[in-house]
Amino acid sequence: MAKVRVGVAGYGTIGQRLADGVALQGDMELVGIADLAPTLAIRALRENDMCGVNNVPYPLYLVDGADRSAFDALDIPVAGTFEELCSKVDVMLDSSPGGVGAKNKEIYKRLGVKAIFQGGEKNSVADVFFHGYANYEKGVGQDYLKLTSCNTTGLIRTVDCLDRAIGLEKVAITIIRRVADPGDYHRGLTNALQMDKAPSHQAVDLMTIMPHVEATGILVHTPVTHGHIITVLATAKDGKKITRDMALEAFRKHPRIRTVTTDEGFKGNASFFKYARDLGNRRGDMYEIGLWEDSIVESGNDIMYAIHIPQESVTIPETMDAIRAAMKMQLTREEGTAQTNKYLGIGRFKR
């Protein structure tokens, strides 16, 4: 069976990781990446002879408006135009800045190319608002899928996990949100916490993906960069009690949830980033979310727990799932997520 041909639009924080994710899939081929300017990410790629993970070539194509001479001046090879890239692929992964993906969709439609958009685009850009575990089958065979945001992706992993094991009626969430990605300066130098109006979009998005679960939430911006922390209060259906042991058993079985304790040294968000670097993970990324076992507490019949979201990399597995669904590579969530997990090495720590 021929490999599915994939392109990536936008080689920024997410686009770099999407390209790596595709390059690691044994049944996919990374045809190329597209961008506008010779950013630091592109310059680093050039110093690595235009190769990424596992020495896989990442041919570069330029989007409309790019200054070819700026690339030539830095001796950065260009393989062609954005439309030329689109004409060579089966599906595009669009990680362009918010709003640009919707414009790119017109090109995808004209060329008959499927596309998967990241969380920054409006939901209306896609046929399906997608999550690999919660609604995989809804994406099967669809032309345009949109991923949930990083926070919503990790949040849904845990809510879906408990819902399938126990059955949930509602959740209340609090998001302690990193202010910007490492290396970003556009948010300024801050020494304050900032409230968002409730409910947070993550709660609304969760209900869009899982309409049978009532969700509400509060979000607080924090002056840190290495990951978000979310607390969740979950209520089961029909007044059923959720015990700590029930929740922990379900979480421990999930391949994309890494259960940890503070006694092991996982004191907070920075602990996960350091651990990922010590593991030798590329860019210090971690595909799994972290869940503190010692944060799981019973509150009457409800259960409460806290998770860590590695915002730069958490959506990559679900994006690979989206390719599999859109291209009908696997028709069920069990098969699709298992293939993604295998190629990304997810869940190895559970063995």
Protein backbone atom coordinates (compact mmCIF):
# COMPACT_ATOMS: atom_id res chain seq x y z
CA MET A 1 0.00 0.00 0.00
CA ALA A 2 1.38 3.40 -1.01
CA LYS A 3 2.26 5.83 1.74
CA VAL A 4 -0.05 8.79 2.31
CA ARG A 5 1.66 11.97 1.05
CA VAL A 6 1.58 14.86 3.51
CA GLY A 7 2.57 18.52 3.40
CA VAL A 8 2.88 21.05 6.22
CA ALA A 9 1.89 24.71 5.86
CA GLY A 10 3.72 26.86 8.38
CA TYR A 11 7.01 25.74 9.95
CA GLY A 12 6.60 27.41 13.34
CA THR A 13 6.20 25.96 16.83
CA ILE A 14 3.53 23.47 15.77
CA GLY A 15 4.56 23.04 12.14
CA GLN A 16 8.05 21.87 13.08
CA ARG A 17 6.56 19.20 15.28
CA LEU A 18 3.94 18.20 12.73
CA ALA A 19 6.69 17.63 10.18
CA ASP A 20 8.56 15.48 12.68
CA GLY A 21 5.38 13.57 13.51
CA VAL A 22 4.73 12.74 9.87
CA ALA A 23 8.38 11.78 9.29
CA LEU A 24 8.07 9.26 12.12
CA GLN A 25 4.98 7.57 10.67
CA GLY A 26 5.98 4.46 8.74
CA ASP A 27 2.92 4.67 6.48
CA MET A 28 3.21 8.37 5.61
CA GLU A 29 5.60 10.44 3.49
CA LEU A 30 6.52 14.05 4.27
CA VAL A 31 6.52 15.71 0.85
CA GLY A 32 7.54 19.14 2.08
CA ILE A 33 6.96 22.17 4.28
CA ALA A 34 5.89 25.69 3.33
CA ASP A 35 6.63 29.04 4.93
CA LEU A 36 6.91 32.77 4.30
CA ALA A 37 10.28 33.92 5.66
CA PRO A 38 13.72 32.53 6.60
CA THR A 39 12.89 32.25 10.29
CA LEU A 40 15.25 30.83 12.89
CA ALA A 41 13.47 27.47 12.47
CA ILE A 42 14.18 27.51 8.73
CA ARG A 43 17.78 28.59 9.29
CA ALA A 44 18.31 25.76 11.76
CA LEU A 45 16.83 23.35 9.23
CA ARG A 46 19.30 24.65 6.62
CA GLU A 47 22.22 24.05 8.97
CA ASN A 48 20.99 20.46 9.22
CA ASP A 49 21.09 20.17 5.42
CA MET A 50 17.28 20.57 5.18
CA CYS A 51 16.79 17.33 7.10
CA GLY A 52 14.69 16.80 10.20
CA VAL A 53 14.04 13.86 12.48
CA ASN A 54 15.82 10.63 11.51
CA ASN A 55 17.62 12.57 8.76
CA VAL A 56 14.43 12.75 6.68
CA PRO A 57 14.56 15.53 4.02
CA TYR A 58 12.17 18.46 4.58
CA PRO A 59 11.93 20.20 1.16
CA LEU A 60 10.94 23.86 1.50
CA TYR A 61 8.24 25.56 -0.56
CA LEU A 62 7.38 29.27 -0.43
CA VAL A 63 3.91 30.69 0.14
CA ASP A 64 2.62 33.73 -1.76
CA GLY A 65 4.31 36.92 -0.62
CA ALA A 66 7.60 35.26 0.29
CA ASP A 67 10.78 37.05 -0.83
CA ARG A 68 12.79 34.40 -2.68
CA SER A 69 15.90 36.58 -2.61
CA ALA A 70 15.96 36.49 1.21
CA PHE A 71 16.26 32.71 1.06
CA ASP A 72 18.83 32.82 -1.74
CA ALA A 73 20.96 35.23 0.28
CA LEU A 74 21.17 32.65 3.06
CA ASP A 75 21.75 29.76 0.66
CA ILE A 76 18.47 28.13 1.69
CA PRO A 77 17.28 25.83 -1.11
CA VAL A 78 13.70 26.26 -2.30
CA ALA A 79 11.84 23.38 -3.92
CA GLY A 80 8.95 25.38 -5.35
CA THR A 81 5.75 27.26 -4.60
CA PHE A 82 3.03 26.52 -2.07
CA GLU A 83 0.60 25.47 -4.79
CA GLU A 84 3.21 23.13 -6.22
CA LEU A 85 3.50 21.49 -2.81
CA CYS A 86 -0.27 21.21 -2.49
CA SER A 87 -0.49 19.56 -5.91
CA LYS A 88 1.87 16.78 -4.77
CA VAL A 89 0.11 15.71 -1.55
CA ASP A 90 -2.97 13.82 -0.41
CA VAL A 91 -3.46 15.97 2.68
CA MET A 92 -2.10 19.26 4.02
CA LEU A 93 -1.50 19.94 7.70
CA ASP A 94 -2.19 23.65 8.07
CA SER A 95 -0.43 25.28 11.01
CA SER A 96 -0.45 28.76 9.51
CA PRO A 97 -1.23 31.78 11.71
CA GLY A 98 -4.91 32.06 12.69
CA GLY A 99 -7.06 33.12 9.74
CA VAL A 100 -4.49 32.19 7.09
CA GLY A 101 -5.63 28.57 7.06
CA ALA A 102 -9.12 29.63 6.03
CA LYS A 103 -7.63 31.44 3.03
CA ASN A 104 -5.46 28.44 2.20
CA LYS A 105 -8.57 26.28 2.19
CA GLU A 106 -9.59 27.87 -1.10
CA ILE A 107 -6.40 26.48 -2.66
CA TYR A 108 -7.00 23.07 -1.12
CA LYS A 109 -10.55 22.98 -2.48
CA ARG A 110 -9.45 24.02 -5.95
CA LEU A 111 -6.74 21.34 -6.05
CA GLY A 112 -8.88 18.64 -4.44
CA VAL A 113 -6.58 18.25 -1.42
CA LYS A 114 -7.76 17.29 2.05
CA ALA A 115 -6.61 19.47 4.93
CA ILE A 116 -6.31 19.37 8.70
CA PHE A 117 -6.28 22.65 10.59
CA GLN A 118 -4.92 23.49 14.03
CA GLY A 119 -6.81 25.02 16.93
CA GLY A 120 -6.19 28.65 15.95
CA GLU A 121 -8.69 28.51 13.09
CA LYS A 122 -12.43 28.95 13.55
CA ASN A 123 -14.47 25.76 13.73
CA SER A 124 -16.33 26.77 10.56
CA VAL A 125 -13.20 26.04 8.48
CA ALA A 126 -13.72 22.29 8.87
CA ASP A 127 -16.32 19.58 8.40
CA VAL A 128 -15.43 18.04 11.77
CA PHE A 129 -14.02 19.41 15.02
CA PHE A 130 -11.78 16.44 15.73
CA HIS A 131 -10.20 14.51 18.59
CA GLY A 132 -8.49 11.17 18.06
CA TYR A 133 -10.00 9.44 21.09
CA ALA A 134 -13.35 11.18 21.59
CA ASN A 135 -14.79 11.29 18.04
CA TYR A 136 -12.37 9.59 15.64
CA GLU A 137 -15.10 7.92 13.59
CA LYS A 138 -16.73 11.28 12.77
CA GLY A 139 -13.57 12.25 10.88
CA VAL A 140 -13.38 9.11 8.73
CA GLY A 141 -13.38 10.06 5.05
CA GLN A 142 -13.99 13.78 5.70
CA ASP A 143 -12.12 16.39 3.66
CA TYR A 144 -11.49 19.07 6.29
CA LEU A 145 -10.81 18.44 9.96
CA LYS A 146 -9.85 20.88 12.71
CA LEU A 147 -7.93 19.94 15.84
CA THR A 148 -8.78 21.16 19.32
CA SER A 149 -6.37 23.50 21.10
CA CYS A 150 -3.52 22.11 23.20
CA ASN A 151 -5.42 22.51 26.47
CA THR A 152 -8.61 21.04 25.06
CA THR A 153 -6.73 18.12 23.50
CA GLY A 154 -5.17 17.04 26.80
CA LEU A 155 -8.32 17.80 28.77
CA ILE A 156 -10.47 15.64 26.49
CA ARG A 157 -8.02 12.73 26.81
CA THR A 158 -8.79 12.52 30.52
CA VAL A 159 -12.50 13.32 30.33
CA ASP A 160 -13.05 10.81 27.53
CA CYS A 161 -11.00 8.26 29.48
CA LEU A 162 -13.24 8.56 32.55
CA ASP A 163 -16.39 8.81 30.46
CA ARG A 164 -15.70 5.52 28.69
CA ALA A 165 -14.73 3.77 31.92
CA ILE A 166 -17.41 5.20 34.20
CA GLY A 167 -19.77 7.57 32.36
CA LEU A 168 -19.67 11.31 33.11
CA GLU A 169 -22.43 13.86 33.46
CA LYS A 170 -20.42 17.05 33.87
CA VAL A 171 -16.97 18.54 34.54
CA ALA A 172 -15.76 21.83 35.98
CA ILE A 173 -12.25 22.89 34.98
CA THR A 174 -9.69 25.48 36.00
CA ILE A 175 -6.88 26.22 33.55
CA ILE A 176 -3.63 27.78 34.77
CA ARG A 177 -2.33 28.83 31.39
CA ARG A 178 1.23 29.56 30.31
CA VAL A 179 1.40 33.03 28.82
CA ALA A 180 3.46 32.24 25.69
CA ASP A 181 5.64 29.58 24.12
CA PRO A 182 9.36 29.47 25.02
CA GLY A 183 11.19 32.01 22.90
CA ASP A 184 8.16 34.25 22.30
CA TYR A 185 8.33 37.92 23.24
CA HIS A 186 5.06 39.29 21.89
CA ARG A 187 3.30 38.99 25.27
CA GLY A 188 5.93 41.16 26.95
CA LEU A 189 7.73 40.63 30.24
CA THR A 190 5.06 39.95 32.83
CA ASN A 191 4.81 39.64 36.60
CA ALA A 192 1.06 39.23 37.03
CA LEU A 193 -1.84 36.80 36.71
CA GLN A 194 -4.71 37.63 34.39
CA MET A 195 -8.28 36.33 34.50
CA ASP A 196 -10.33 35.43 31.45
CA LYS A 197 -14.09 35.70 31.37
CA ALA A 198 -15.88 32.44 32.15
CA PRO A 199 -16.62 30.00 30.67
CA SER A 200 -13.28 29.27 29.04
CA HIS A 201 -13.33 28.22 25.39
CA GLN A 202 -11.89 24.84 26.39
CA ALA A 203 -15.10 24.01 28.28
CA VAL A 204 -17.20 25.09 25.31
CA ASP A 205 -14.99 23.13 22.91
CA LEU A 206 -15.18 20.02 25.08
CA MET A 207 -18.98 20.14 24.86
CA THR A 208 -18.74 20.51 21.07
CA ILE A 209 -16.71 17.29 20.89
CA MET A 210 -18.58 15.54 23.75
CA PRO A 211 -22.08 17.09 23.83
CA HIS A 212 -23.33 14.61 26.44
CA VAL A 213 -20.96 16.04 29.09
CA GLU A 214 -21.79 19.42 30.63
CA ALA A 215 -18.66 21.51 31.10
CA THR A 216 -17.76 24.87 32.54
CA GLY A 217 -14.41 26.43 33.32
CA ILE A 218 -12.20 29.29 34.42
CA LEU A 219 -8.87 30.27 32.88
CA VAL A 220 -5.96 32.16 34.50
CA HIS A 221 -2.96 33.37 32.48
CA THR A 222 0.39 32.93 34.25
CA PRO A 223 3.85 34.39 33.47
CA VAL A 224 5.46 31.02 32.63
CA THR A 225 6.21 29.24 29.35
CA HIS A 226 6.69 25.51 29.99
CA GLY A 227 3.21 24.07 29.97
CA HIS A 228 -0.28 24.54 31.36
CA ILE A 229 -1.83 22.97 34.43
CA ILE A 230 -5.53 22.06 34.49
CA THR A 231 -7.62 20.92 37.44
CA VAL A 232 -10.81 18.96 36.73
CA LEU A 233 -13.79 18.17 38.95
CA ALA A 234 -15.75 15.31 37.33
CA THR A 235 -19.26 14.11 38.16
CA ALA A 236 -20.53 10.70 37.07
CA LYS A 237 -23.93 9.97 35.57
CA ASP A 238 -26.88 8.90 37.74
CA GLY A 239 -25.23 10.00 40.99
CA LYS A 240 -22.66 7.21 40.80
CA LYS A 241 -19.63 7.63 43.03
CA ILE A 242 -16.22 7.85 41.35
CA THR A 243 -13.55 6.49 43.65
CA ARG A 244 -9.90 7.40 43.48
CA ASP A 245 -9.02 3.80 42.61
CA MET A 246 -11.53 3.74 39.74
CA ALA A 247 -10.10 6.93 38.25
CA LEU A 248 -6.49 5.92 38.72
CA GLU A 249 -7.05 2.53 37.11
CA ALA A 250 -8.57 4.18 34.03
CA PHE A 251 -5.85 6.83 33.75
CA ARG A 252 -3.02 4.30 34.08
CA LYS A 253 -4.35 2.32 31.12
CA HIS A 254 -4.45 5.29 28.73
CA PRO A 255 -1.38 5.38 26.43
CA ARG A 256 -1.33 9.19 26.17
CA ILE A 257 -1.63 9.87 29.90
CA ARG A 258 1.55 9.63 32.00
CA THR A 259 0.67 9.24 35.68
CA VAL A 260 3.31 10.64 38.07
CA THR A 261 3.73 11.74 41.68
CA THR A 262 5.30 14.71 43.37
CA ASP A 263 7.40 12.33 45.49
CA GLU A 264 9.06 11.09 42.27
CA GLY A 265 10.23 14.65 41.64
CA PHE A 266 7.42 15.92 39.40
CA LYS A 267 6.93 19.11 41.38
CA GLY A 268 5.34 21.10 38.57
CA ASN A 269 5.41 22.12 34.91
CA ALA A 270 9.19 22.60 34.74
CA SER A 271 9.75 19.06 36.03
CA PHE A 272 8.08 17.60 32.96
CA PHE A 273 10.11 19.75 30.59
CA LYS A 274 13.37 18.77 32.27
CA TYR A 275 12.40 15.10 32.29
CA ALA A 276 11.60 15.19 28.57
CA ARG A 277 15.04 16.70 27.90
CA ASP A 278 16.69 14.07 30.09
CA LEU A 279 14.88 11.40 28.08
CA GLY A 280 16.54 12.86 24.98
CA ASN A 281 13.21 13.84 23.43
CA ARG A 282 13.61 16.14 20.42
CA ARG A 283 13.16 19.78 21.51
CA GLY A 284 12.25 18.55 25.00
CA ASP A 285 8.81 17.50 23.71
CA MET A 286 6.44 15.07 25.37
CA TYR A 287 3.44 13.68 23.49
CA GLU A 288 1.74 12.42 26.65
CA ILE A 289 0.06 14.66 29.19
CA GLY A 290 1.11 14.32 32.81
CA LEU A 291 -1.40 13.46 35.54
CA TRP A 292 -0.46 13.69 39.21
CA GLU A 293 -1.66 10.58 41.03
CA ASP A 294 -1.39 12.46 44.31
CA SER A 295 -3.76 15.13 43.00
CA ILE A 296 -6.62 12.65 42.60
CA VAL A 297 -9.07 13.24 45.45
CA GLU A 298 -12.66 12.29 46.11
CA SER A 299 -15.19 15.06 46.79
CA GLY A 300 -18.43 13.41 47.75
CA ASN A 301 -19.35 11.34 44.71
CA ASP A 302 -17.11 13.45 42.45
CA ILE A 303 -13.43 13.10 41.62
CA MET A 304 -10.85 15.87 41.24
CA TYR A 305 -7.43 15.68 39.59
CA ALA A 306 -4.71 17.84 38.01
CA ILE A 307 -2.92 17.45 34.69
CA HIS A 308 0.04 19.02 32.90
CA ILE A 309 -0.25 20.00 29.22
CA PRO A 310 3.00 20.23 27.14
CA GLN A 311 1.48 22.81 24.80
CA GLU A 312 4.02 22.65 21.97
CA SER A 313 3.66 18.93 21.27
CA VAL A 314 0.42 17.60 22.76
CA THR A 315 -1.68 18.02 19.59
CA ILE A 316 0.77 16.15 17.34
CA PRO A 317 -0.57 12.62 18.03
CA GLU A 318 -4.18 13.72 17.49
CA THR A 319 -3.14 15.36 14.20
CA MET A 320 -1.64 12.08 13.04
CA ASP A 321 -4.93 10.44 14.06
CA ALA A 322 -6.74 13.01 11.92
CA ILE A 323 -4.69 12.05 8.85
CA ARG A 324 -5.57 8.42 9.44
CA ALA A 325 -9.28 9.21 9.76
CA ALA A 326 -9.50 11.59 6.80
CA MET A 327 -7.57 9.23 4.52
CA LYS A 328 -9.45 6.15 5.83
CA MET A 329 -6.17 4.50 6.76
CA GLN A 330 -7.89 3.04 9.82
CA LEU A 331 -11.64 3.19 10.36
CA THR A 332 -11.87 3.00 14.16
CA ARG A 333 -10.39 4.98 17.04
CA GLU A 334 -8.78 1.87 18.47
CA GLU A 335 -6.91 1.06 15.25
CA GLY A 336 -6.06 4.64 14.31
CA THR A 337 -4.72 5.76 17.67
CA ALA A 338 -2.80 2.49 18.09
CA GLN A 339 -0.92 3.07 14.82
CA THR A 340 -0.09 6.66 15.75
CA ASN A 341 1.09 5.57 19.19
CA LYS A 342 3.28 2.87 17.71
CA TYR A 343 5.14 5.16 15.35
CA LEU A 344 5.54 7.99 17.90
CA GLY A 345 6.68 5.60 20.63
CA ILE A 346 3.80 6.64 22.89
CA GLY A 347 3.15 4.48 25.92
CA ARG A 348 6.57 2.83 26.04
CA PHE A 349 6.97 3.94 29.67
CA LYS A 350 3.91 1.86 30.63
CA ARG A 351 5.58 -1.41 29.65
